[in-house]
Amino acid sequence: MARKILPAISLGIITVFAIIFLSGGGTDDNDLLRQTFQVDATYYDSSHVEVSFLDKSGKTDSVVMEILGMDESFQKSFSGSQFIEIVPFSDTPKYGWAIHPIVLEIEHSEFGHIQLKTEIHPFDQPIPPVIYSRP
């Protein structure tokens, strides 16, 4: 019973998290971050997710990317202001892509520590919103 409820609870927590941060959107600070950073995570029918990151300012020192909600969490570190990473995924998750958020921890020479969160989307679907945070 607990195994059936856990994904639904996780999805609910992620949704609440997203609503809280999105309701604070539209500030000048978030607008600057939206103009500076681009992130996308696309699922392709060939059973992989392509995660791409670009810092238009070129001032990112390092990025730690984590894909949550997996049996074993995927984490990888990158240097520089852009990357593309291919991550194998066996199939579309039963409870949707929201249970596998992509979180980026960014060290930026101008903005300091920044967190970005987005969701994976199928290649034929629109890019979901990105949540920006400065912890």
N, C-alpha and C. Protein backbone atom coordinates (compact mmCIF):
# COMPACT_ATOMS: atom_id res chain seq x y z
N MET A 1 0.82 -1.20 0.00
CA MET A 1 0.00 0.00 0.00
C MET A 1 0.87 1.27 0.00
N ALA A 2 1.93 1.24 0.82
CA ALA A 2 2.80 2.41 0.90
C ALA A 2 3.49 2.70 -0.42
N ARG A 3 3.81 1.64 -1.18
CA ARG A 3 4.49 1.83 -2.47
C ARG A 3 3.57 2.53 -3.47
N LYS A 4 2.28 2.35 -3.36
CA LYS A 4 1.34 2.99 -4.28
C LYS A 4 1.12 4.44 -3.91
N ILE A 5 1.19 4.76 -2.64
CA ILE A 5 0.93 6.11 -2.16
C ILE A 5 2.17 7.00 -2.31
N LEU A 6 3.36 6.43 -2.15
CA LEU A 6 4.60 7.22 -2.18
C LEU A 6 4.76 8.06 -3.44
N PRO A 7 4.55 7.52 -4.67
CA PRO A 7 4.69 8.37 -5.85
C PRO A 7 3.68 9.52 -5.88
N ALA A 8 2.46 9.26 -5.43
CA ALA A 8 1.45 10.32 -5.41
C ALA A 8 1.82 11.41 -4.43
N ILE A 9 2.35 11.03 -3.27
CA ILE A 9 2.78 12.01 -2.28
C ILE A 9 3.96 12.82 -2.83
N SER A 10 4.91 12.13 -3.47
CA SER A 10 6.07 12.83 -4.05
C SER A 10 5.63 13.84 -5.09
N LEU A 11 4.69 13.44 -5.94
CA LEU A 11 4.17 14.34 -6.96
C LEU A 11 3.50 15.55 -6.32
N GLY A 12 2.75 15.33 -5.25
CA GLY A 12 2.09 16.43 -4.55
C GLY A 12 3.08 17.41 -3.95
N ILE A 13 4.14 16.88 -3.35
CA ILE A 13 5.16 17.74 -2.74
C ILE A 13 5.87 18.56 -3.82
N ILE A 14 6.21 17.92 -4.94
CA ILE A 14 6.88 18.63 -6.03
C ILE A 14 5.97 19.72 -6.59
N THR A 15 4.69 19.43 -6.72
CA THR A 15 3.73 20.42 -7.23
C THR A 15 3.63 21.61 -6.30
N VAL A 16 3.53 21.36 -5.00
CA VAL A 16 3.47 22.46 -4.02
C VAL A 16 4.74 23.30 -4.09
N PHE A 17 5.88 22.64 -4.17
CA PHE A 17 7.18 23.33 -4.29
C PHE A 17 7.18 24.24 -5.51
N ALA A 18 6.70 23.72 -6.62
CA ALA A 18 6.67 24.49 -7.86
C ALA A 18 5.75 25.69 -7.75
N ILE A 19 4.58 25.51 -7.16
CA ILE A 19 3.62 26.61 -7.01
C ILE A 19 4.19 27.72 -6.14
N ILE A 20 4.84 27.34 -5.05
CA ILE A 20 5.43 28.35 -4.15
C ILE A 20 6.45 29.19 -4.88
N PHE A 21 7.36 28.54 -5.62
CA PHE A 21 8.40 29.30 -6.31
C PHE A 21 7.89 30.03 -7.54
N LEU A 22 6.92 29.46 -8.24
CA LEU A 22 6.37 30.14 -9.41
C LEU A 22 5.54 31.36 -9.02
N SER A 23 4.91 31.31 -7.86
CA SER A 23 4.11 32.47 -7.44
C SER A 23 5.01 33.65 -7.12
N GLY A 24 6.27 33.40 -6.80
CA GLY A 24 7.22 34.47 -6.56
C GLY A 24 7.91 34.93 -7.83
N GLY A 25 7.56 34.33 -8.97
CA GLY A 25 8.19 34.65 -10.25
C GLY A 25 7.81 36.05 -10.71
N GLY A 26 8.48 36.50 -11.74
CA GLY A 26 8.18 37.81 -12.30
C GLY A 26 8.99 38.93 -11.68
N THR A 27 9.82 38.61 -10.68
CA THR A 27 10.64 39.66 -10.10
C THR A 27 11.77 39.96 -11.07
N ASP A 28 12.37 41.14 -10.90
CA ASP A 28 13.49 41.52 -11.77
C ASP A 28 14.63 40.50 -11.69
N ASP A 29 14.88 39.99 -10.48
CA ASP A 29 15.94 39.02 -10.27
C ASP A 29 15.69 37.76 -11.09
N ASN A 30 14.47 37.22 -11.02
CA ASN A 30 14.15 36.02 -11.79
C ASN A 30 14.15 36.30 -13.28
N ASP A 31 13.74 37.47 -13.69
CA ASP A 31 13.78 37.82 -15.11
C ASP A 31 15.23 37.81 -15.62
N LEU A 32 16.15 38.33 -14.82
CA LEU A 32 17.56 38.32 -15.20
C LEU A 32 18.08 36.88 -15.30
N LEU A 33 17.68 36.03 -14.35
CA LEU A 33 18.10 34.63 -14.38
C LEU A 33 17.50 33.92 -15.60
N ARG A 34 16.24 34.20 -15.92
CA ARG A 34 15.60 33.60 -17.11
C ARG A 34 16.32 34.00 -18.40
N GLN A 35 16.79 35.24 -18.45
CA GLN A 35 17.49 35.72 -19.64
C GLN A 35 18.90 35.14 -19.74
N THR A 36 19.48 34.76 -18.60
CA THR A 36 20.85 34.27 -18.56
C THR A 36 20.97 32.77 -18.77
N PHE A 37 20.07 31.99 -18.15
CA PHE A 37 20.20 30.53 -18.15
C PHE A 37 19.11 29.87 -18.99
N GLN A 38 19.51 28.85 -19.73
CA GLN A 38 18.57 28.01 -20.47
C GLN A 38 18.84 26.56 -20.06
N VAL A 39 17.76 25.84 -19.74
CA VAL A 39 17.88 24.42 -19.42
C VAL A 39 16.69 23.70 -20.05
N ASP A 40 16.97 22.52 -20.56
CA ASP A 40 15.92 21.70 -21.16
C ASP A 40 16.25 20.24 -20.91
N ALA A 41 15.21 19.44 -20.67
CA ALA A 41 15.36 18.00 -20.47
C ALA A 41 14.30 17.30 -21.30
N THR A 42 14.71 16.68 -22.40
CA THR A 42 13.79 16.10 -23.37
C THR A 42 13.92 14.59 -23.40
N TYR A 43 12.77 13.90 -23.30
CA TYR A 43 12.74 12.44 -23.42
C TYR A 43 12.48 12.08 -24.88
N TYR A 44 13.31 11.18 -25.40
CA TYR A 44 13.16 10.70 -26.77
C TYR A 44 12.72 9.24 -26.75
N ASP A 45 11.97 8.83 -27.77
CA ASP A 45 11.45 7.46 -27.86
C ASP A 45 12.55 6.41 -27.88
N SER A 46 13.76 6.81 -28.12
CA SER A 46 14.88 5.86 -28.11
C SER A 46 15.36 5.59 -26.68
N SER A 47 14.50 5.90 -25.71
CA SER A 47 14.72 5.59 -24.29
C SER A 47 15.89 6.33 -23.66
N HIS A 48 15.98 7.62 -23.94
CA HIS A 48 16.98 8.44 -23.26
C HIS A 48 16.44 9.86 -23.08
N VAL A 49 17.03 10.55 -22.11
CA VAL A 49 16.73 11.95 -21.84
C VAL A 49 17.97 12.76 -22.19
N GLU A 50 17.77 13.83 -22.93
CA GLU A 50 18.86 14.74 -23.26
C GLU A 50 18.67 15.99 -22.42
N VAL A 51 19.63 16.26 -21.54
CA VAL A 51 19.59 17.45 -20.69
C VAL A 51 20.61 18.44 -21.24
N SER A 52 20.14 19.66 -21.53
CA SER A 52 21.05 20.68 -22.04
C SER A 52 20.99 21.91 -21.13
N PHE A 53 22.14 22.53 -20.97
CA PHE A 53 22.28 23.73 -20.14
C PHE A 53 23.15 24.73 -20.89
N LEU A 54 22.73 26.01 -20.81
CA LEU A 54 23.51 27.10 -21.41
C LEU A 54 23.43 28.32 -20.51
N ASP A 55 24.57 28.88 -20.20
CA ASP A 55 24.68 30.16 -19.50
C ASP A 55 25.13 31.18 -20.54
N LYS A 56 24.23 32.06 -20.94
CA LYS A 56 24.54 33.04 -21.99
C LYS A 56 25.61 34.03 -21.56
N SER A 57 25.78 34.24 -20.25
CA SER A 57 26.80 35.18 -19.78
C SER A 57 28.20 34.56 -19.82
N GLY A 58 28.28 33.23 -19.84
CA GLY A 58 29.57 32.56 -19.84
C GLY A 58 30.30 32.61 -18.52
N LYS A 59 29.60 32.93 -17.42
CA LYS A 59 30.25 33.11 -16.12
C LYS A 59 29.99 31.98 -15.14
N THR A 60 29.48 30.85 -15.63
CA THR A 60 29.27 29.70 -14.75
C THR A 60 30.60 28.99 -14.53
N ASP A 61 30.92 28.77 -13.25
CA ASP A 61 32.14 28.05 -12.90
C ASP A 61 31.90 26.54 -12.89
N SER A 62 30.79 26.12 -12.27
CA SER A 62 30.50 24.69 -12.18
C SER A 62 28.99 24.47 -12.03
N VAL A 63 28.56 23.26 -12.43
CA VAL A 63 27.16 22.86 -12.32
C VAL A 63 27.13 21.43 -11.82
N VAL A 64 26.27 21.18 -10.83
CA VAL A 64 25.99 19.81 -10.41
C VAL A 64 24.55 19.53 -10.81
N MET A 65 24.38 18.52 -11.66
CA MET A 65 23.04 18.15 -12.13
C MET A 65 22.61 16.88 -11.41
N GLU A 66 21.34 16.88 -10.94
CA GLU A 66 20.80 15.70 -10.30
C GLU A 66 19.40 15.43 -10.86
N ILE A 67 19.13 14.17 -11.15
CA ILE A 67 17.79 13.75 -11.55
C ILE A 67 17.22 12.97 -10.38
N LEU A 68 16.17 13.50 -9.79
CA LEU A 68 15.59 12.90 -8.59
C LEU A 68 14.51 11.89 -8.95
N GLY A 69 14.12 11.09 -7.96
CA GLY A 69 13.01 10.17 -8.11
C GLY A 69 13.37 8.84 -8.74
N MET A 70 14.63 8.62 -9.03
CA MET A 70 15.06 7.36 -9.63
C MET A 70 15.41 6.38 -8.50
N ASP A 71 15.45 5.08 -8.82
CA ASP A 71 15.86 4.10 -7.81
C ASP A 71 17.21 4.48 -7.23
N GLU A 72 18.12 4.86 -8.12
CA GLU A 72 19.42 5.37 -7.71
C GLU A 72 19.57 6.75 -8.35
N SER A 73 19.64 7.78 -7.54
CA SER A 73 19.67 9.16 -8.04
C SER A 73 20.85 9.35 -8.99
N PHE A 74 20.59 10.04 -10.10
CA PHE A 74 21.64 10.34 -11.08
C PHE A 74 22.23 11.70 -10.74
N GLN A 75 23.55 11.76 -10.61
CA GLN A 75 24.22 13.02 -10.31
C GLN A 75 25.51 13.10 -11.11
N LYS A 76 25.77 14.29 -11.66
CA LYS A 76 27.00 14.50 -12.43
C LYS A 76 27.42 15.96 -12.31
N SER A 77 28.73 16.20 -12.27
CA SER A 77 29.28 17.55 -12.18
C SER A 77 29.86 17.96 -13.52
N PHE A 78 29.74 19.27 -13.81
CA PHE A 78 30.24 19.83 -15.06
C PHE A 78 31.01 21.12 -14.76
N SER A 79 31.99 21.42 -15.60
CA SER A 79 32.72 22.69 -15.54
C SER A 79 32.32 23.50 -16.76
N GLY A 80 32.24 24.81 -16.60
CA GLY A 80 31.95 25.67 -17.74
C GLY A 80 30.49 26.06 -17.84
N SER A 81 30.19 26.78 -18.91
CA SER A 81 28.90 27.44 -19.06
C SER A 81 27.91 26.72 -19.96
N GLN A 82 28.25 25.51 -20.41
CA GLN A 82 27.26 24.76 -21.19
C GLN A 82 27.60 23.28 -21.19
N PHE A 83 26.57 22.46 -21.34
CA PHE A 83 26.76 21.03 -21.49
C PHE A 83 25.50 20.41 -22.09
N ILE A 84 25.68 19.22 -22.64
CA ILE A 84 24.58 18.35 -23.07
C ILE A 84 24.91 16.97 -22.52
N GLU A 85 23.97 16.39 -21.79
CA GLU A 85 24.17 15.07 -21.19
C GLU A 85 23.04 14.14 -21.62
N ILE A 86 23.40 12.93 -22.03
CA ILE A 86 22.43 11.91 -22.42
C ILE A 86 22.32 10.93 -21.25
N VAL A 87 21.08 10.73 -20.77
CA VAL A 87 20.84 9.83 -19.64
C VAL A 87 19.85 8.75 -20.08
N PRO A 88 20.22 7.48 -19.98
CA PRO A 88 19.29 6.41 -20.37
C PRO A 88 18.08 6.35 -19.44
N PHE A 89 16.90 6.17 -20.01
CA PHE A 89 15.65 5.98 -19.28
C PHE A 89 14.90 4.85 -19.96
N SER A 90 14.50 3.86 -19.20
CA SER A 90 13.88 2.68 -19.82
C SER A 90 12.53 2.98 -20.46
N ASP A 91 11.73 3.83 -19.83
CA ASP A 91 10.39 4.08 -20.36
C ASP A 91 9.80 5.32 -19.68
N THR A 92 8.67 5.78 -20.21
CA THR A 92 7.95 6.88 -19.59
C THR A 92 7.46 6.43 -18.21
N PRO A 93 7.67 7.22 -17.16
CA PRO A 93 7.25 6.82 -15.82
C PRO A 93 5.72 6.68 -15.72
N LYS A 94 5.30 5.72 -14.94
CA LYS A 94 3.88 5.43 -14.75
C LYS A 94 3.13 6.66 -14.23
N TYR A 95 3.74 7.43 -13.34
CA TYR A 95 3.10 8.59 -12.72
C TYR A 95 3.49 9.92 -13.36
N GLY A 96 4.11 9.86 -14.53
CA GLY A 96 4.48 11.08 -15.25
C GLY A 96 5.89 11.55 -14.93
N TRP A 97 6.35 12.50 -15.72
CA TRP A 97 7.72 13.00 -15.60
C TRP A 97 7.94 13.89 -14.38
N ALA A 98 6.87 14.38 -13.78
CA ALA A 98 7.02 15.27 -12.61
C ALA A 98 7.71 14.57 -11.44
N ILE A 99 7.70 13.25 -11.41
CA ILE A 99 8.36 12.55 -10.30
C ILE A 99 9.87 12.44 -10.50
N HIS A 100 10.37 12.93 -11.64
CA HIS A 100 11.80 12.93 -11.93
C HIS A 100 12.29 14.35 -12.24
N PRO A 101 12.22 15.27 -11.28
CA PRO A 101 12.69 16.63 -11.58
C PRO A 101 14.19 16.68 -11.80
N ILE A 102 14.61 17.64 -12.61
CA ILE A 102 16.02 17.91 -12.87
C ILE A 102 16.40 19.13 -12.02
N VAL A 103 17.40 18.97 -11.18
CA VAL A 103 17.85 20.07 -10.32
C VAL A 103 19.30 20.38 -10.67
N LEU A 104 19.58 21.66 -10.92
CA LEU A 104 20.94 22.10 -11.20
C LEU A 104 21.39 23.03 -10.08
N GLU A 105 22.55 22.74 -9.51
CA GLU A 105 23.20 23.59 -8.52
C GLU A 105 24.33 24.30 -9.26
N ILE A 106 24.23 25.60 -9.41
CA ILE A 106 25.14 26.37 -10.25
C ILE A 106 25.98 27.32 -9.39
N GLU A 107 27.27 27.33 -9.64
CA GLU A 107 28.17 28.33 -9.04
C GLU A 107 28.51 29.31 -10.16
N HIS A 108 28.10 30.57 -9.98
CA HIS A 108 28.23 31.60 -11.00
C HIS A 108 29.07 32.73 -10.43
N SER A 109 30.03 33.23 -11.19
CA SER A 109 30.94 34.26 -10.67
C SER A 109 30.24 35.58 -10.37
N GLU A 110 29.13 35.87 -11.01
CA GLU A 110 28.40 37.12 -10.77
C GLU A 110 27.22 36.93 -9.81
N PHE A 111 26.43 35.87 -9.98
CA PHE A 111 25.21 35.66 -9.20
C PHE A 111 25.42 34.83 -7.94
N GLY A 112 26.56 34.17 -7.81
CA GLY A 112 26.79 33.29 -6.67
C GLY A 112 26.15 31.93 -6.89
N HIS A 113 25.57 31.38 -5.83
CA HIS A 113 24.95 30.05 -5.89
C HIS A 113 23.51 30.19 -6.37
N ILE A 114 23.17 29.46 -7.44
CA ILE A 114 21.84 29.48 -8.05
C ILE A 114 21.34 28.05 -8.15
N GLN A 115 20.05 27.85 -7.94
CA GLN A 115 19.42 26.56 -8.17
C GLN A 115 18.37 26.70 -9.26
N LEU A 116 18.36 25.75 -10.19
CA LEU A 116 17.34 25.69 -11.23
C LEU A 116 16.66 24.33 -11.13
N LYS A 117 15.36 24.32 -11.34
CA LYS A 117 14.61 23.06 -11.34
C LYS A 117 13.68 23.06 -12.53
N THR A 118 13.64 21.94 -13.24
CA THR A 118 12.72 21.77 -14.35
C THR A 118 12.28 20.32 -14.39
N GLU A 119 11.40 20.02 -15.33
CA GLU A 119 10.92 18.65 -15.49
C GLU A 119 11.28 18.14 -16.88
N ILE A 120 11.35 16.85 -16.98
CA ILE A 120 11.56 16.20 -18.27
C ILE A 120 10.26 16.28 -19.05
N HIS A 121 10.36 16.44 -20.36
CA HIS A 121 9.17 16.44 -21.20
C HIS A 121 9.45 15.63 -22.47
N PRO A 122 8.42 14.97 -23.02
CA PRO A 122 8.61 14.26 -24.29
C PRO A 122 8.97 15.25 -25.39
N PHE A 123 9.68 14.79 -26.42
CA PHE A 123 10.18 15.68 -27.47
C PHE A 123 9.08 16.43 -28.20
N ASP A 124 7.86 15.89 -28.21
CA ASP A 124 6.77 16.56 -28.92
C ASP A 124 5.89 17.42 -28.02
N GLN A 125 6.34 17.66 -26.79
CA GLN A 125 5.60 18.49 -25.83
C GLN A 125 6.37 19.78 -25.54
N PRO A 126 5.67 20.84 -25.11
CA PRO A 126 6.36 22.09 -24.79
C PRO A 126 7.29 21.96 -23.58
N ILE A 127 8.26 22.85 -23.53
CA ILE A 127 9.21 22.87 -22.42
C ILE A 127 8.49 23.36 -21.16
N PRO A 128 8.57 22.64 -20.04
CA PRO A 128 7.94 23.08 -18.81
C PRO A 128 8.67 24.30 -18.23
N PRO A 129 8.02 25.02 -17.33
CA PRO A 129 8.68 26.19 -16.74
C PRO A 129 9.88 25.79 -15.90
N VAL A 130 10.80 26.72 -15.76
CA VAL A 130 11.99 26.53 -14.93
C VAL A 130 11.81 27.34 -13.65
N ILE A 131 12.14 26.72 -12.52
CA ILE A 131 12.05 27.40 -11.24
C ILE A 131 13.46 27.85 -10.86
N TYR A 132 13.61 29.13 -10.53
CA TYR A 132 14.91 29.72 -10.18
C TYR A 132 14.92 30.03 -8.70
N SER A 133 16.04 29.76 -8.05
CA SER A 133 16.12 30.00 -6.62
C SER A 133 17.55 30.40 -6.25
N ARG A 134 17.63 31.27 -5.25
CA ARG A 134 18.92 31.63 -4.64
C ARG A 134 18.84 31.28 -3.17
N PRO A 135 19.41 30.13 -2.80
CA PRO A 135 19.31 29.68 -1.38
C PRO A 135 20.11 30.55 -0.44
